[in-house]
Amino acid sequence: MKNRKKVFPLEIRQKVIKRANNRCERCGIDFDEDFKGEFHHILPTVYGGDISVENCSLLCSNCHRTAPDLKRKEDLMIYHEYFLRFASFKEAAQYYGVDTRIELYVKLAFDITKNYRNKY
């Protein structure tokens, strides 16, 4: 039996399209009738990801191709703070003034913690 990827139901897809304002959530390119977005499982279902609005990103085909497949729920915050916010590691590193990926993750962790505290 083939391993079939779970598809997001119409209701979830509609909410994600609305949240994204019918644009790629990473690069911001607009979608129209001829140019459709792709729905990305941020955390794949094989690693415990669910079929929810929070686990779905609307991406163009190029951004979908480069999107990371996460393996842990803890990485969801990094995905939202890094992948959807910056076009590349280089851009994120320049923004934070760091040279290595580990330094970037430390800076992101501090930002996430600060933002979390400000929200709650």
Protein backbone atom coordinates (compact mmCIF):
# COMPACT_ATOMS: atom_id res chain seq x y z
CA MET A 1 0.00 0.00 0.00
CA LYS A 2 1.33 3.43 -0.96
CA ASN A 3 2.10 6.07 1.66
CA ARG A 4 -0.36 8.84 0.82
CA LYS A 5 0.23 12.36 2.00
CA LYS A 6 -2.70 13.79 3.93
CA VAL A 7 -4.36 16.71 2.19
CA PHE A 8 -5.69 19.78 3.96
CA PRO A 9 -9.51 19.95 3.87
CA LEU A 10 -11.17 22.81 1.99
CA GLU A 11 -12.10 24.65 5.21
CA ILE A 12 -8.45 24.71 6.35
CA ARG A 13 -7.21 25.78 2.91
CA GLN A 14 -9.72 28.64 2.81
CA LYS A 15 -8.63 29.90 6.25
CA VAL A 16 -4.97 29.76 5.25
CA ILE A 17 -5.66 31.62 1.99
CA LYS A 18 -7.48 34.30 3.97
CA ARG A 19 -4.68 34.54 6.55
CA ALA A 20 -2.10 34.81 3.75
CA ASN A 21 -4.21 37.34 1.83
CA ASN A 22 -3.85 35.03 -1.20
CA ARG A 23 -0.06 35.58 -1.26
CA CYS A 24 2.94 33.36 -0.69
CA GLU A 25 3.58 33.56 3.05
CA ARG A 26 7.31 33.59 2.43
CA CYS A 27 8.12 35.76 -0.58
CA GLY A 28 4.82 37.67 -0.80
CA ILE A 29 4.07 36.98 -4.46
CA ASP A 30 0.37 37.37 -5.28
CA PHE A 31 -1.66 34.43 -6.54
CA ASP A 32 -4.41 34.69 -9.15
CA GLU A 33 -6.55 32.31 -11.21
CA ASP A 34 -3.55 31.18 -13.28
CA PHE A 35 -0.97 31.18 -10.51
CA LYS A 36 -2.00 29.11 -7.52
CA GLY A 37 -0.31 28.60 -4.20
CA GLU A 38 0.68 25.27 -2.72
CA PHE A 39 -0.23 24.12 0.77
CA HIS A 40 2.76 23.03 2.83
CA HIS A 41 2.70 20.78 5.90
CA ILE A 42 5.13 22.62 8.17
CA LEU A 43 5.54 19.59 10.40
CA PRO A 44 4.88 16.51 8.23
CA THR A 45 2.20 14.15 9.48
CA VAL A 46 4.78 11.33 9.69
CA TYR A 47 6.49 13.37 12.43
CA GLY A 48 3.30 14.14 14.32
CA GLY A 49 2.09 17.16 12.37
CA ASP A 50 -1.63 17.63 12.23
CA ILE A 51 -4.06 18.87 9.62
CA SER A 52 -4.58 22.36 11.04
CA VAL A 53 -4.33 26.01 10.05
CA GLU A 54 -1.29 26.40 12.32
CA ASN A 55 0.54 23.56 10.56
CA CYS A 56 -0.17 24.85 7.06
CA SER A 57 1.63 27.47 4.99
CA LEU A 58 0.52 28.84 1.63
CA LEU A 59 3.63 28.99 -0.54
CA CYS A 60 4.53 29.53 -4.18
CA SER A 61 6.10 26.51 -5.88
CA ASN A 62 9.62 27.92 -5.50
CA CYS A 63 9.27 28.59 -1.77
CA HIS A 64 7.53 25.23 -1.30
CA ARG A 65 10.47 23.48 -2.95
CA THR A 66 12.91 25.12 -0.50
CA ALA A 67 10.71 24.81 2.60
CA PRO A 68 12.22 22.71 5.36
CA ASP A 69 10.48 19.54 6.50
CA LEU A 70 10.58 19.77 10.25
CA LYS A 71 10.82 16.73 12.46
CA ARG A 72 9.93 18.25 15.85
CA LYS A 73 7.06 20.44 17.04
CA GLU A 74 9.57 22.70 18.79
CA ASP A 75 10.89 23.74 15.37
CA LEU A 76 7.54 25.29 14.39
CA MET A 77 8.49 28.56 16.07
CA ILE A 78 11.83 28.65 14.25
CA TYR A 79 9.98 28.03 10.98
CA HIS A 80 7.63 30.96 11.56
CA GLU A 81 10.39 33.27 12.79
CA TYR A 82 13.10 32.32 10.30
CA PHE A 83 11.77 30.70 7.12
CA LEU A 84 8.70 32.91 6.71
CA ARG A 85 10.47 36.08 7.80
CA PHE A 86 13.76 35.97 5.89
CA ALA A 87 14.52 35.01 2.29
CA SER A 88 17.77 33.24 3.21
CA PHE A 89 20.19 32.33 5.97
CA LYS A 90 22.43 35.16 4.76
CA GLU A 91 19.64 37.72 5.13
CA ALA A 92 18.78 36.48 8.63
CA ALA A 93 22.45 36.41 9.65
CA GLN A 94 22.93 39.98 8.46
CA TYR A 95 19.83 41.11 10.33
CA TYR A 96 21.06 39.55 13.58
CA GLY A 97 24.76 40.30 12.98
CA VAL A 98 25.91 36.68 13.25
CA ASP A 99 28.01 34.31 11.14
CA THR A 100 26.92 30.79 12.03
CA ARG A 101 23.64 28.90 12.06
CA ILE A 102 23.92 28.13 15.78
CA GLU A 103 24.35 31.84 16.55
CA LEU A 104 21.29 32.53 14.44
CA TYR A 105 19.23 29.94 16.31
CA VAL A 106 20.31 31.43 19.64
CA LYS A 107 19.26 34.93 18.49
CA LEU A 108 15.95 33.57 17.20
CA ALA A 109 15.35 31.77 20.48
CA PHE A 110 15.81 35.03 22.37
CA ASP A 111 13.45 36.84 19.98
CA ILE A 112 10.83 34.12 20.26
CA THR A 113 11.05 34.20 24.05
CA LYS A 114 10.78 37.99 24.12
CA ASN A 115 7.81 37.99 21.73
CA TYR A 116 6.10 35.22 23.70
CA ARG A 117 6.48 37.15 26.95
CA ASN A 118 5.11 40.33 25.35
CA LYS A 119 2.03 38.49 24.04
CA TYR A 120 1.14 36.78 27.32
